[in-house]
Amino acid sequence: MKKQFAVLAMSVAALAVSGTAAADTLAKVKSSGSFTIGHRDASIPLSYYDDKQRPIGYSMDLCMKVVDAVKKELNLPKLEVKYQLVTSANRIPLLANGTVDIECGSTTNNAERQKQVSYLPTTFVTANRIVYKKNSGIKRVLLDQGLLSGIGNIYADESLWLAKLHYDKPASSITKRKHLELLSIAKDVLAKAVAQGGTTFDEQYKNVNGESGYFSQSLNAYGQTGLPCNRCGSLIKRDAWANRGSHYCPICQVR
């Protein structure tokens, strides 16, 4: 009989934005002279009504920062801000069809929703539990998009290097505290990658402004095969793994 164990996972909330291209959304906002914020009525503390039925909360504060940036980008200091109450049932459709330009609530970032809308960096994290086979390696668990959306091979290798964990170390052998540390590190890695425009190794992949991502210049493990580890000086190794590769330090990341 297969043994299983429960591993801590992250429910990741982020600000969701229209799935249309950023340039198209900005053009729409400039043409209409208004920016529509989708908000919730009782998603405390992220987006909810105060005693005067005004939308407030942590996510609302962040959205107003986005509004300020849009005003500056479009040179529209008098941009009209509209508010649209959304629910868990209609928030994604209203974003997808352009009724609202950004959703400021508690929407979990997952792979399925990414097919319809885009997300800004993670803003809120809570702990849940997911069941896996007892002998599952921690990297295999980390790459599961149901655990933390957005983690791919590059960012998994970087997160594991920072956490000093071998990619094939059984997840069941890792303490709860270490799981939480790894997830926090992974979140930080994603945030830094987003801030630097992602990781670009090919001229074909650039952002909407034609710029390459610069996170590749900050890599400690991925793509560093044969180079000294930035922590201990040992040479970084690469093992074939799941039809790709895993990069790690054999001294810092012992299985």
C-alpha atoms as a PDB file:
ATOM      1  CA  MET A   1       0.000   0.000   0.000  1.00  0.00           C
ATOM      2  CA  LYS A   2       1.352   3.417  -0.901  1.00  0.00           C
ATOM      3  CA  LYS A   3       2.155   5.603   2.060  1.00  0.00           C
ATOM      4  CA  GLN A   4       1.238   9.262   1.882  1.00  0.00           C
ATOM      5  CA  PHE A   5       1.991  12.341   3.899  1.00  0.00           C
ATOM      6  CA  ALA A   6       0.639  15.858   4.237  1.00  0.00           C
ATOM      7  CA  VAL A   7       2.908  18.715   3.237  1.00  0.00           C
ATOM      8  CA  LEU A   8       2.224  22.372   3.920  1.00  0.00           C
ATOM      9  CA  ALA A   9       1.151  24.287   0.848  1.00  0.00           C
ATOM     10  CA  MET A  10       0.465  27.892   0.041  1.00  0.00           C
ATOM     11  CA  SER A  11      -2.809  29.496  -0.922  1.00  0.00           C
ATOM     12  CA  VAL A  12      -1.537  32.499  -2.822  1.00  0.00           C
ATOM     13  CA  ALA A  13      -3.659  35.590  -3.218  1.00  0.00           C
ATOM     14  CA  ALA A  14      -2.704  38.257  -5.720  1.00  0.00           C
ATOM     15  CA  LEU A  15      -4.170  41.191  -7.591  1.00  0.00           C
ATOM     16  CA  ALA A  16      -5.664  39.898 -10.839  1.00  0.00           C
ATOM     17  CA  VAL A  17      -5.631  42.020 -13.971  1.00  0.00           C
ATOM     18  CA  SER A  18      -7.258  41.799 -17.365  1.00  0.00           C
ATOM     19  CA  GLY A  19      -5.910  39.072 -19.595  1.00  0.00           C
ATOM     20  CA  THR A  20      -5.569  41.466 -22.521  1.00  0.00           C
ATOM     21  CA  ALA A  21      -2.171  42.898 -23.350  1.00  0.00           C
ATOM     22  CA  ALA A  22      -1.003  45.671 -21.023  1.00  0.00           C
ATOM     23  CA  ALA A  23      -0.789  48.115 -23.926  1.00  0.00           C
ATOM     24  CA  ASP A  24      -4.417  47.376 -24.914  1.00  0.00           C
ATOM     25  CA  THR A  25      -5.634  47.884 -21.358  1.00  0.00           C
ATOM     26  CA  LEU A  26      -3.810  51.186 -21.049  1.00  0.00           C
ATOM     27  CA  ALA A  27      -5.206  52.295 -24.404  1.00  0.00           C
ATOM     28  CA  LYS A  28      -8.718  51.446 -23.203  1.00  0.00           C
ATOM     29  CA  VAL A  29      -8.214  53.372 -19.964  1.00  0.00           C
ATOM     30  CA  LYS A  30      -6.803  56.399 -21.788  1.00  0.00           C
ATOM     31  CA  SER A  31      -9.666  56.399 -24.275  1.00  0.00           C
ATOM     32  CA  SER A  32     -12.379  56.132 -21.616  1.00  0.00           C
ATOM     33  CA  GLY A  33     -10.682  58.361 -19.068  1.00  0.00           C
ATOM     34  CA  SER A  34     -11.593  55.903 -16.338  1.00  0.00           C
ATOM     35  CA  PHE A  35     -10.108  52.940 -14.470  1.00  0.00           C
ATOM     36  CA  THR A  36     -12.443  50.335 -12.987  1.00  0.00           C
ATOM     37  CA  ILE A  37     -11.527  48.467  -9.816  1.00  0.00           C
ATOM     38  CA  GLY A  38     -13.301  45.224  -8.994  1.00  0.00           C
ATOM     39  CA  HIS A  39     -13.632  44.748  -5.235  1.00  0.00           C
ATOM     40  CA  ARG A  40     -15.202  42.403  -2.697  1.00  0.00           C
ATOM     41  CA  ASP A  41     -17.609  43.259   0.109  1.00  0.00           C
ATOM     42  CA  ALA A  42     -16.423  40.933   2.871  1.00  0.00           C
ATOM     43  CA  SER A  43     -12.922  39.571   2.102  1.00  0.00           C
ATOM     44  CA  ILE A  44     -11.407  40.833   5.346  1.00  0.00           C
ATOM     45  CA  PRO A  45      -8.664  42.112   5.615  1.00  0.00           C
ATOM     46  CA  LEU A  46      -8.032  42.359   1.874  1.00  0.00           C
ATOM     47  CA  SER A  47     -11.153  43.907   0.372  1.00  0.00           C
ATOM     48  CA  TYR A  48     -14.338  44.735   2.266  1.00  0.00           C
ATOM     49  CA  TYR A  49     -16.840  47.474   3.065  1.00  0.00           C
ATOM     50  CA  ASP A  50     -16.335  49.872   5.966  1.00  0.00           C
ATOM     51  CA  ASP A  51     -19.242  51.207   8.014  1.00  0.00           C
ATOM     52  CA  LYS A  52     -19.995  53.724   5.252  1.00  0.00           C
ATOM     53  CA  GLN A  53     -20.089  51.075   2.516  1.00  0.00           C
ATOM     54  CA  ARG A  54     -16.777  52.166   1.047  1.00  0.00           C
ATOM     55  CA  PRO A  55     -14.366  49.489  -0.211  1.00  0.00           C
ATOM     56  CA  ILE A  56     -11.228  49.345   1.925  1.00  0.00           C
ATOM     57  CA  GLY A  57      -8.537  46.814   2.806  1.00  0.00           C
ATOM     58  CA  TYR A  58      -4.949  45.783   2.090  1.00  0.00           C
ATOM     59  CA  SER A  59      -5.648  44.846  -1.536  1.00  0.00           C
ATOM     60  CA  MET A  60      -7.520  48.094  -2.080  1.00  0.00           C
ATOM     61  CA  ASP A  61      -4.513  50.056  -0.818  1.00  0.00           C
ATOM     62  CA  LEU A  62      -2.294  48.206  -3.300  1.00  0.00           C
ATOM     63  CA  CYS A  63      -4.747  48.844  -6.125  1.00  0.00           C
ATOM     64  CA  MET A  64      -4.674  52.560  -5.433  1.00  0.00           C
ATOM     65  CA  LYS A  65      -0.896  52.414  -5.871  1.00  0.00           C
ATOM     66  CA  VAL A  66      -1.530  50.843  -9.271  1.00  0.00           C
ATOM     67  CA  VAL A  67      -3.979  53.665 -10.066  1.00  0.00           C
ATOM     68  CA  ASP A  68      -1.320  56.242  -9.189  1.00  0.00           C
ATOM     69  CA  ALA A  69       1.135  54.507 -11.532  1.00  0.00           C
ATOM     70  CA  VAL A  70      -1.432  54.437 -14.350  1.00  0.00           C
ATOM     71  CA  LYS A  71      -2.141  58.140 -13.882  1.00  0.00           C
ATOM     72  CA  LYS A  72       1.553  58.878 -14.188  1.00  0.00           C
ATOM     73  CA  GLU A  73       2.084  56.553 -17.154  1.00  0.00           C
ATOM     74  CA  LEU A  74      -0.825  58.035 -19.124  1.00  0.00           C
ATOM     75  CA  ASN A  75      -0.336  61.590 -17.857  1.00  0.00           C
ATOM     76  CA  LEU A  76      -3.935  61.617 -16.621  1.00  0.00           C
ATOM     77  CA  PRO A  77      -3.881  63.206 -13.142  1.00  0.00           C
ATOM     78  CA  LYS A  78      -7.685  63.436 -13.148  1.00  0.00           C
ATOM     79  CA  LEU A  79      -8.260  59.818 -14.164  1.00  0.00           C
ATOM     80  CA  GLU A  80     -11.694  58.743 -12.904  1.00  0.00           C
ATOM     81  CA  VAL A  81     -11.656  55.723 -10.615  1.00  0.00           C
ATOM     82  CA  LYS A  82     -14.776  53.549 -10.709  1.00  0.00           C
ATOM     83  CA  TYR A  83     -15.676  50.719  -8.340  1.00  0.00           C
ATOM     84  CA  GLN A  84     -17.438  47.500  -9.300  1.00  0.00           C
ATOM     85  CA  LEU A  85     -18.513  44.949  -6.707  1.00  0.00           C
ATOM     86  CA  VAL A  86     -17.504  41.453  -7.801  1.00  0.00           C
ATOM     87  CA  THR A  87     -18.149  37.985  -6.407  1.00  0.00           C
ATOM     88  CA  SER A  88     -16.232  34.721  -6.479  1.00  0.00           C
ATOM     89  CA  ALA A  89     -18.500  33.634  -9.340  1.00  0.00           C
ATOM     90  CA  ASN A  90     -18.119  36.636 -11.656  1.00  0.00           C
ATOM     91  CA  ARG A  91     -14.719  38.187 -10.850  1.00  0.00           C
ATOM     92  CA  ILE A  92     -12.757  36.243 -13.491  1.00  0.00           C
ATOM     93  CA  PRO A  93     -15.375  36.691 -16.289  1.00  0.00           C
ATOM     94  CA  LEU A  94     -15.608  40.439 -15.571  1.00  0.00           C
ATOM     95  CA  LEU A  95     -11.837  40.732 -15.791  1.00  0.00           C
ATOM     96  CA  ALA A  96     -11.656  38.645 -18.931  1.00  0.00           C
ATOM     97  CA  ASN A  97     -14.285  40.712 -20.770  1.00  0.00           C
ATOM     98  CA  GLY A  98     -12.850  44.052 -19.677  1.00  0.00           C
ATOM     99  CA  THR A  99     -15.682  45.182 -17.406  1.00  0.00           C
ATOM    100  CA  VAL A 100     -13.108  45.716 -14.664  1.00  0.00           C
ATOM    101  CA  ASP A 101      -9.443  46.558 -15.227  1.00  0.00           C
ATOM    102  CA  ILE A 102      -8.118  45.054 -12.002  1.00  0.00           C
ATOM    103  CA  GLU A 103      -9.567  42.860  -9.264  1.00  0.00           C
ATOM    104  CA  CYS A 104      -8.605  43.851  -5.740  1.00  0.00           C
ATOM    105  CA  GLY A 105      -9.687  41.035  -3.484  1.00  0.00           C
ATOM    106  CA  SER A 106      -8.450  37.620  -2.390  1.00  0.00           C
ATOM    107  CA  THR A 107      -8.191  35.719  -5.661  1.00  0.00           C
ATOM    108  CA  THR A 108      -5.907  32.698  -5.479  1.00  0.00           C
ATOM    109  CA  ASN A 109      -3.294  32.544  -8.225  1.00  0.00           C
ATOM    110  CA  ASN A 110      -3.471  29.143  -9.921  1.00  0.00           C
ATOM    111  CA  ALA A 111      -2.595  27.644 -13.294  1.00  0.00           C
ATOM    112  CA  GLU A 112      -6.182  27.347 -14.527  1.00  0.00           C
ATOM    113  CA  ARG A 113      -6.993  31.015 -13.877  1.00  0.00           C
ATOM    114  CA  GLN A 114      -3.756  32.099 -15.525  1.00  0.00           C
ATOM    115  CA  LYS A 115      -5.266  30.904 -18.802  1.00  0.00           C
ATOM    116  CA  GLN A 116      -7.881  33.686 -18.541  1.00  0.00           C
ATOM    117  CA  VAL A 117      -6.282  36.560 -16.632  1.00  0.00           C
ATOM    118  CA  SER A 118      -2.876  37.797 -15.530  1.00  0.00           C
ATOM    119  CA  TYR A 119      -1.614  38.292 -11.998  1.00  0.00           C
ATOM    120  CA  LEU A 120       0.549  40.850 -10.274  1.00  0.00           C
ATOM    121  CA  PRO A 121       3.110  39.593  -7.696  1.00  0.00           C
ATOM    122  CA  THR A 122       1.832  37.595  -4.707  1.00  0.00           C
ATOM    123  CA  THR A 123       0.457  39.746  -1.882  1.00  0.00           C
ATOM    124  CA  PHE A 124      -0.939  37.312   0.681  1.00  0.00           C
ATOM    125  CA  VAL A 125      -0.089  33.741   1.684  1.00  0.00           C
ATOM    126  CA  THR A 126      -1.863  31.221   3.918  1.00  0.00           C
ATOM    127  CA  ALA A 127      -1.018  27.621   4.776  1.00  0.00           C
ATOM    128  CA  ASN A 128      -2.989  24.565   3.659  1.00  0.00           C
ATOM    129  CA  ARG A 129      -2.164  20.875   3.342  1.00  0.00           C
ATOM    130  CA  ILE A 130      -1.652  18.736   0.254  1.00  0.00           C
ATOM    131  CA  VAL A 131      -1.135  14.961   0.249  1.00  0.00           C
ATOM    132  CA  TYR A 132       1.771  13.359  -1.646  1.00  0.00           C
ATOM    133  CA  LYS A 133       3.497   9.994  -1.827  1.00  0.00           C
ATOM    134  CA  LYS A 134       5.902   9.624   1.050  1.00  0.00           C
ATOM    135  CA  ASN A 135       8.977   9.192  -1.162  1.00  0.00           C
ATOM    136  CA  SER A 136       8.277  12.242  -3.392  1.00  0.00           C
ATOM    137  CA  GLY A 137      11.349  14.452  -3.781  1.00  0.00           C
ATOM    138  CA  ILE A 138      10.933  18.025  -2.596  1.00  0.00           C
ATOM    139  CA  LYS A 139      11.543  19.491  -6.063  1.00  0.00           C
ATOM    140  CA  ARG A 140       8.732  17.408  -7.556  1.00  0.00           C
ATOM    141  CA  VAL A 141       6.433  18.750  -4.840  1.00  0.00           C
ATOM    142  CA  LEU A 142       7.639  22.319  -5.333  1.00  0.00           C
ATOM    143  CA  LEU A 143       6.934  22.198  -9.085  1.00  0.00           C
ATOM    144  CA  ASP A 144       3.303  21.188  -8.503  1.00  0.00           C
ATOM    145  CA  GLN A 145       1.317  24.252  -9.608  1.00  0.00           C
ATOM    146  CA  GLY A 146      -1.340  23.388  -7.050  1.00  0.00           C
ATOM    147  CA  LEU A 147       1.216  24.147  -4.356  1.00  0.00           C
ATOM    148  CA  LEU A 148       2.668  27.426  -5.606  1.00  0.00           C
ATOM    149  CA  SER A 149       1.774  28.748  -9.047  1.00  0.00           C
ATOM    150  CA  GLY A 150       4.602  30.262 -11.039  1.00  0.00           C
ATOM    151  CA  ILE A 151       7.460  28.036  -9.834  1.00  0.00           C
ATOM    152  CA  GLY A 152       9.256  26.441 -12.786  1.00  0.00           C
ATOM    153  CA  ASN A 153      12.517  24.544 -13.070  1.00  0.00           C
ATOM    154  CA  ILE A 154      14.728  27.627 -12.803  1.00  0.00           C
ATOM    155  CA  TYR A 155      13.065  29.097  -9.731  1.00  0.00           C
ATOM    156  CA  ALA A 156      12.771  25.686  -8.071  1.00  0.00           C
ATOM    157  CA  ASP A 157      16.536  25.154  -8.357  1.00  0.00           C
ATOM    158  CA  GLU A 158      17.197  28.652  -7.021  1.00  0.00           C
ATOM    159  CA  SER A 159      14.799  28.227  -4.097  1.00  0.00           C
ATOM    160  CA  LEU A 160      16.272  24.864  -3.143  1.00  0.00           C
ATOM    161  CA  TRP A 161      19.817  26.262  -3.277  1.00  0.00           C
ATOM    162  CA  LEU A 162      18.839  29.126  -0.973  1.00  0.00           C
ATOM    163  CA  ALA A 163      17.111  26.691   1.399  1.00  0.00           C
ATOM    164  CA  LYS A 164      20.119  24.291   1.293  1.00  0.00           C
ATOM    165  CA  LEU A 165      17.895  21.400   0.237  1.00  0.00           C
ATOM    166  CA  HIS A 166      18.791  18.656  -2.250  1.00  0.00           C
ATOM    167  CA  TYR A 167      16.234  18.415  -5.059  1.00  0.00           C
ATOM    168  CA  ASP A 168      15.591  14.717  -4.417  1.00  0.00           C
ATOM    169  CA  LYS A 169      15.375  14.871  -0.622  1.00  0.00           C
ATOM    170  CA  PRO A 170      12.090  13.181   0.383  1.00  0.00           C
ATOM    171  CA  ALA A 171       9.578  15.867   1.268  1.00  0.00           C
ATOM    172  CA  SER A 172       8.336  13.697   4.124  1.00  0.00           C
ATOM    173  CA  SER A 173      11.742  13.936   5.828  1.00  0.00           C
ATOM    174  CA  ILE A 174      11.670  17.738   5.918  1.00  0.00           C
ATOM    175  CA  THR A 175      10.355  19.452   9.024  1.00  0.00           C
ATOM    176  CA  LYS A 176       7.290  21.690   8.987  1.00  0.00           C
ATOM    177  CA  ARG A 177       9.514  24.631   9.847  1.00  0.00           C
ATOM    178  CA  LYS A 178      11.784  23.904   6.881  1.00  0.00           C
ATOM    179  CA  HIS A 179       8.771  23.549   4.567  1.00  0.00           C
ATOM    180  CA  LEU A 180       7.584  27.001   5.605  1.00  0.00           C
ATOM    181  CA  GLU A 181      11.081  28.416   5.142  1.00  0.00           C
ATOM    182  CA  LEU A 182      11.283  26.957   1.620  1.00  0.00           C
ATOM    183  CA  LEU A 183       7.891  28.341   0.634  1.00  0.00           C
ATOM    184  CA  SER A 184       8.837  31.768   1.959  1.00  0.00           C
ATOM    185  CA  ILE A 185      12.099  31.621  -0.013  1.00  0.00           C
ATOM    186  CA  ALA A 186      10.255  30.556  -3.171  1.00  0.00           C
ATOM    187  CA  LYS A 187       7.878  33.492  -2.801  1.00  0.00           C
ATOM    188  CA  ASP A 188      10.824  35.875  -2.456  1.00  0.00           C
ATOM    189  CA  VAL A 189      12.566  34.342  -5.482  1.00  0.00           C
ATOM    190  CA  LEU A 190       9.442  34.877  -7.593  1.00  0.00           C
ATOM    191  CA  ALA A 191       9.056  38.451  -6.379  1.00  0.00           C
ATOM    192  CA  LYS A 192      12.679  39.291  -7.187  1.00  0.00           C
ATOM    193  CA  ALA A 193      12.387  37.648 -10.602  1.00  0.00           C
ATOM    194  CA  VAL A 194       9.274  39.694 -11.404  1.00  0.00           C
ATOM    195  CA  ALA A 195      11.019  42.884 -10.260  1.00  0.00           C
ATOM    196  CA  GLN A 196      13.923  42.127 -12.610  1.00  0.00           C
ATOM    197  CA  GLY A 197      11.714  41.256 -15.573  1.00  0.00           C
ATOM    198  CA  GLY A 198      12.036  37.482 -15.331  1.00  0.00           C
ATOM    199  CA  THR A 199      14.845  35.240 -16.552  1.00  0.00           C
ATOM    200  CA  THR A 200      15.852  35.558 -20.202  1.00  0.00           C
ATOM    201  CA  PHE A 201      18.280  33.194 -21.938  1.00  0.00           C
ATOM    202  CA  ASP A 202      16.936  33.703 -25.469  1.00  0.00           C
ATOM    203  CA  GLU A 203      16.555  36.954 -27.424  1.00  0.00           C
ATOM    204  CA  GLN A 204      13.171  35.657 -28.565  1.00  0.00           C
ATOM    205  CA  TYR A 205      11.655  36.181 -25.105  1.00  0.00           C
ATOM    206  CA  LYS A 206      11.238  39.785 -24.029  1.00  0.00           C
ATOM    207  CA  ASN A 207       8.618  41.895 -22.245  1.00  0.00           C
ATOM    208  CA  VAL A 208       6.068  44.178 -23.901  1.00  0.00           C
ATOM    209  CA  ASN A 209       8.689  46.930 -24.065  1.00  0.00           C
ATOM    210  CA  GLY A 210      11.171  44.691 -25.895  1.00  0.00           C
ATOM    211  CA  GLU A 211      13.398  44.368 -22.820  1.00  0.00           C
ATOM    212  CA  SER A 212      15.110  41.205 -21.594  1.00  0.00           C
ATOM    213  CA  GLY A 213      14.755  39.913 -18.048  1.00  0.00           C
ATOM    214  CA  TYR A 214      17.784  40.332 -15.792  1.00  0.00           C
ATOM    215  CA  PHE A 215      17.173  37.710 -13.097  1.00  0.00           C
ATOM    216  CA  SER A 216      19.566  35.385 -14.963  1.00  0.00           C
ATOM    217  CA  GLN A 217      22.369  37.582 -13.642  1.00  0.00           C
ATOM    218  CA  SER A 218      21.336  36.699 -10.078  1.00  0.00           C
ATOM    219  CA  LEU A 219      21.257  32.907 -10.436  1.00  0.00           C
ATOM    220  CA  ASN A 220      23.120  30.811  -7.878  1.00  0.00           C
ATOM    221  CA  ALA A 221      22.385  27.289  -9.132  1.00  0.00           C
ATOM    222  CA  TYR A 222      20.488  27.051 -12.413  1.00  0.00           C
ATOM    223  CA  GLY A 223      22.805  27.196 -15.418  1.00  0.00           C
ATOM    224  CA  GLN A 224      25.884  27.448 -13.182  1.00  0.00           C
ATOM    225  CA  THR A 225      27.206  23.914 -13.823  1.00  0.00           C
ATOM    226  CA  GLY A 226      30.948  23.746 -13.186  1.00  0.00           C
ATOM    227  CA  LEU A 227      31.113  27.174 -11.555  1.00  0.00           C
ATOM    228  CA  PRO A 228      31.964  27.729  -7.872  1.00  0.00           C
ATOM    229  CA  CYS A 229      29.058  27.764  -5.450  1.00  0.00           C
ATOM    230  CA  ASN A 230      28.503  31.327  -4.214  1.00  0.00           C
ATOM    231  CA  ARG A 231      28.199  29.980  -0.688  1.00  0.00           C
ATOM    232  CA  CYS A 232      30.964  27.367  -0.208  1.00  0.00           C
ATOM    233  CA  GLY A 233      33.070  27.426  -3.371  1.00  0.00           C
ATOM    234  CA  SER A 234      32.352  23.831  -4.441  1.00  0.00           C
ATOM    235  CA  LEU A 235      31.491  23.299  -8.105  1.00  0.00           C
ATOM    236  CA  ILE A 236      27.800  23.340  -8.991  1.00  0.00           C
ATOM    237  CA  LYS A 237      26.564  20.030 -10.434  1.00  0.00           C
ATOM    238  CA  ARG A 238      23.746  19.210 -12.826  1.00  0.00           C
ATOM    239  CA  ASP A 239      21.825  15.917 -12.740  1.00  0.00           C
ATOM    240  CA  ALA A 240      19.411  14.751 -15.415  1.00  0.00           C
ATOM    241  CA  TRP A 241      15.960  14.855 -13.846  1.00  0.00           C
ATOM    242  CA  ALA A 242      12.430  14.468 -15.248  1.00  0.00           C
ATOM    243  CA  ASN A 243      13.515  15.154 -18.857  1.00  0.00           C
ATOM    244  CA  ARG A 244      15.363  18.295 -17.791  1.00  0.00           C
ATOM    245  CA  GLY A 245      18.055  19.077 -15.244  1.00  0.00           C
ATOM    246  CA  SER A 246      18.520  19.849 -11.562  1.00  0.00           C
ATOM    247  CA  HIS A 247      21.341  22.161 -10.525  1.00  0.00           C
ATOM    248  CA  TYR A 248      22.728  22.024  -6.985  1.00  0.00           C
ATOM    249  CA  CYS A 249      25.772  22.283  -4.753  1.00  0.00           C
ATOM    250  CA  PRO A 250      26.943  18.816  -3.630  1.00  0.00           C
ATOM    251  CA  ILE A 251      28.274  20.247  -0.342  1.00  0.00           C
ATOM    252  CA  CYS A 252      25.537  22.710   0.642  1.00  0.00           C
ATOM    253  CA  GLN A 253      22.632  20.550  -0.588  1.00  0.00           C
ATOM    254  CA  VAL A 254      23.216  17.040   0.700  1.00  0.00           C
ATOM    255  CA  ARG A 255      20.451  14.531   0.087  1.00  0.00           C
END
